[in-house]
């Protein structure tokens, strides 16, 4: 597992640092069971989280040394537009977007059903 954070400028304390978007415990509690089932099925092997100023990204890898095959993104700025959660494929195609993370993650659940069949 890898966590990437944006570097803070030298000489600035946490009070002046730009806020970061992150997944909270309830969001991770929805993501991790899906991830765990795909790991158990042998399809996924690693993940990384990045917390930036405008987006939090949960990247899913088939192997540790590859590009992510899926990204789960949280963009709070899109909350009132298309929804702040999205699942994005390796080629950049948005597979599902919405305001309810549980509904957005269902696109990955459907892929898991195909793997197990």
Protein backbone atom coordinates (compact mmCIF):
# COMPACT_ATOMS: atom_id res chain seq x y z
CA UNK A 1 0.00 0.00 0.00
CA UNK A 2 1.29 3.45 -0.89
CA UNK A 3 0.02 6.82 0.32
CA UNK A 4 0.96 9.95 -1.60
CA UNK A 5 0.52 13.40 -0.16
CA UNK A 6 1.27 16.74 -1.69
CA UNK A 7 4.43 18.27 -0.23
CA UNK A 8 3.98 21.24 2.07
CA UNK A 9 5.98 24.35 1.30
CA UNK A 10 8.95 24.91 3.60
CA UNK A 11 8.38 27.29 6.45
CA UNK A 12 4.59 26.94 6.50
CA UNK A 13 2.79 25.42 9.42
CA UNK A 14 -0.30 23.26 9.27
CA UNK A 15 -2.56 26.26 9.93
CA UNK A 16 -1.58 27.85 6.60
CA UNK A 17 -1.30 24.66 4.55
CA UNK A 18 -3.88 24.02 1.84
CA UNK A 19 -6.51 21.52 3.00
CA UNK A 20 -6.39 18.06 1.46
CA UNK A 21 -9.26 15.91 0.32
CA UNK A 22 -9.23 12.48 1.94
CA UNK A 23 -11.46 9.44 2.30
CA UNK A 24 -13.05 9.16 5.73
CA UNK A 25 -13.57 5.91 7.64
CA UNK A 26 -17.08 5.30 6.34
CA UNK A 27 -15.92 5.70 2.74
CA UNK A 28 -12.97 3.35 3.29
CA UNK A 29 -15.35 0.90 4.98
CA UNK A 30 -17.22 0.72 1.65
CA UNK A 31 -14.13 0.52 -0.58
CA UNK A 32 -12.05 -2.03 1.34
CA UNK A 33 -14.51 -4.98 1.27
CA UNK A 34 -14.77 -4.70 -2.53
CA UNK A 35 -10.99 -4.51 -2.75
CA UNK A 36 -10.59 -7.47 -0.37
CA UNK A 37 -12.95 -9.70 -2.36
CA UNK A 38 -11.06 -8.99 -5.59
CA UNK A 39 -7.73 -9.71 -3.86
CA UNK A 40 -9.17 -13.00 -2.60
CA UNK A 41 -10.26 -13.80 -6.17
CA UNK A 42 -6.67 -13.18 -7.32
CA UNK A 43 -7.57 -10.26 -9.59
CA UNK A 44 -6.08 -7.34 -7.66
CA UNK A 45 -2.85 -7.23 -5.70
CA UNK A 46 -2.09 -3.72 -4.47
CA UNK A 47 -3.55 -0.28 -3.88
CA UNK A 48 -2.37 3.26 -3.27
CA UNK A 49 -4.06 6.34 -1.88
CA UNK A 50 -3.30 9.90 -2.89
CA UNK A 51 -4.64 12.90 -1.00
CA UNK A 52 -4.39 16.13 -2.97
CA UNK A 53 -5.90 19.57 -2.59
CA UNK A 54 -8.91 18.92 -4.85
CA UNK A 55 -9.13 15.13 -5.09
CA UNK A 56 -8.57 11.93 -3.10
CA UNK A 57 -7.70 8.88 -5.20
CA UNK A 58 -7.81 5.18 -4.30
CA UNK A 59 -5.82 3.44 -7.06
CA UNK A 60 -6.17 -0.30 -7.65
CA UNK A 61 -3.39 -2.36 -9.21
CA UNK A 62 -3.27 -5.83 -10.71
CA UNK A 63 0.47 -5.90 -9.93
CA UNK A 64 2.46 -3.47 -7.82
CA UNK A 65 4.68 -2.22 -10.68
CA UNK A 66 1.88 -1.27 -13.09
CA UNK A 67 -0.41 1.61 -13.78
CA UNK A 68 -3.67 1.40 -11.82
CA UNK A 69 -6.42 -0.59 -13.51
CA UNK A 70 -9.10 1.39 -11.65
CA UNK A 71 -9.22 4.62 -9.68
CA UNK A 72 -11.89 5.55 -7.17
CA UNK A 73 -11.90 9.34 -6.96
CA UNK A 74 -13.53 11.73 -4.53
CA UNK A 75 -13.89 15.32 -5.82
CA UNK A 76 -15.97 17.39 -3.38
CA UNK A 77 -16.12 20.30 -5.86
CA UNK A 78 -18.41 18.14 -8.05
CA UNK A 79 -20.80 17.29 -5.18
CA UNK A 80 -23.61 19.48 -6.57
CA UNK A 81 -22.90 18.76 -10.23
CA UNK A 82 -22.24 15.17 -11.36
CA UNK A 83 -21.56 13.73 -7.91
CA UNK A 84 -18.28 13.68 -6.06
CA UNK A 85 -17.42 9.97 -6.50
CA UNK A 86 -16.23 8.28 -9.68
CA UNK A 87 -14.74 4.96 -10.76
CA UNK A 88 -12.32 5.47 -13.64
CA UNK A 89 -10.78 2.72 -15.79
CA UNK A 90 -7.13 2.47 -16.82
CA UNK A 91 -7.85 4.19 -20.15
CA UNK A 92 -9.47 7.19 -18.40
CA UNK A 93 -13.04 6.17 -19.16
CA UNK A 94 -15.44 7.10 -16.36
CA UNK A 95 -17.30 3.86 -15.59
CA UNK A 96 -19.65 5.36 -13.00
CA UNK A 97 -20.10 8.72 -11.31
CA UNK A 98 -22.48 9.80 -8.58
CA UNK A 99 -23.09 11.18 -5.14
CA UNK A 100 -23.51 7.82 -3.39
CA UNK A 101 -20.24 5.89 -3.06
CA UNK A 102 -22.05 2.58 -2.50
CA UNK A 103 -23.87 2.95 -5.84
CA UNK A 104 -20.70 4.03 -7.67
CA UNK A 105 -18.76 1.00 -6.38
CA UNK A 106 -21.39 -1.36 -7.79
CA UNK A 107 -19.68 -1.08 -11.18
CA UNK A 108 -16.72 -2.92 -9.60
CA UNK A 109 -19.04 -5.49 -8.00
CA UNK A 110 -20.40 -6.36 -11.45
CA UNK A 111 -16.85 -6.92 -12.68
CA UNK A 112 -16.24 -9.20 -9.69
CA UNK A 113 -19.28 -11.33 -10.57
CA UNK A 114 -17.82 -11.87 -14.05
CA UNK A 115 -14.47 -12.89 -12.54
CA UNK A 116 -16.02 -15.47 -10.21
CA UNK A 117 -18.39 -17.03 -12.79
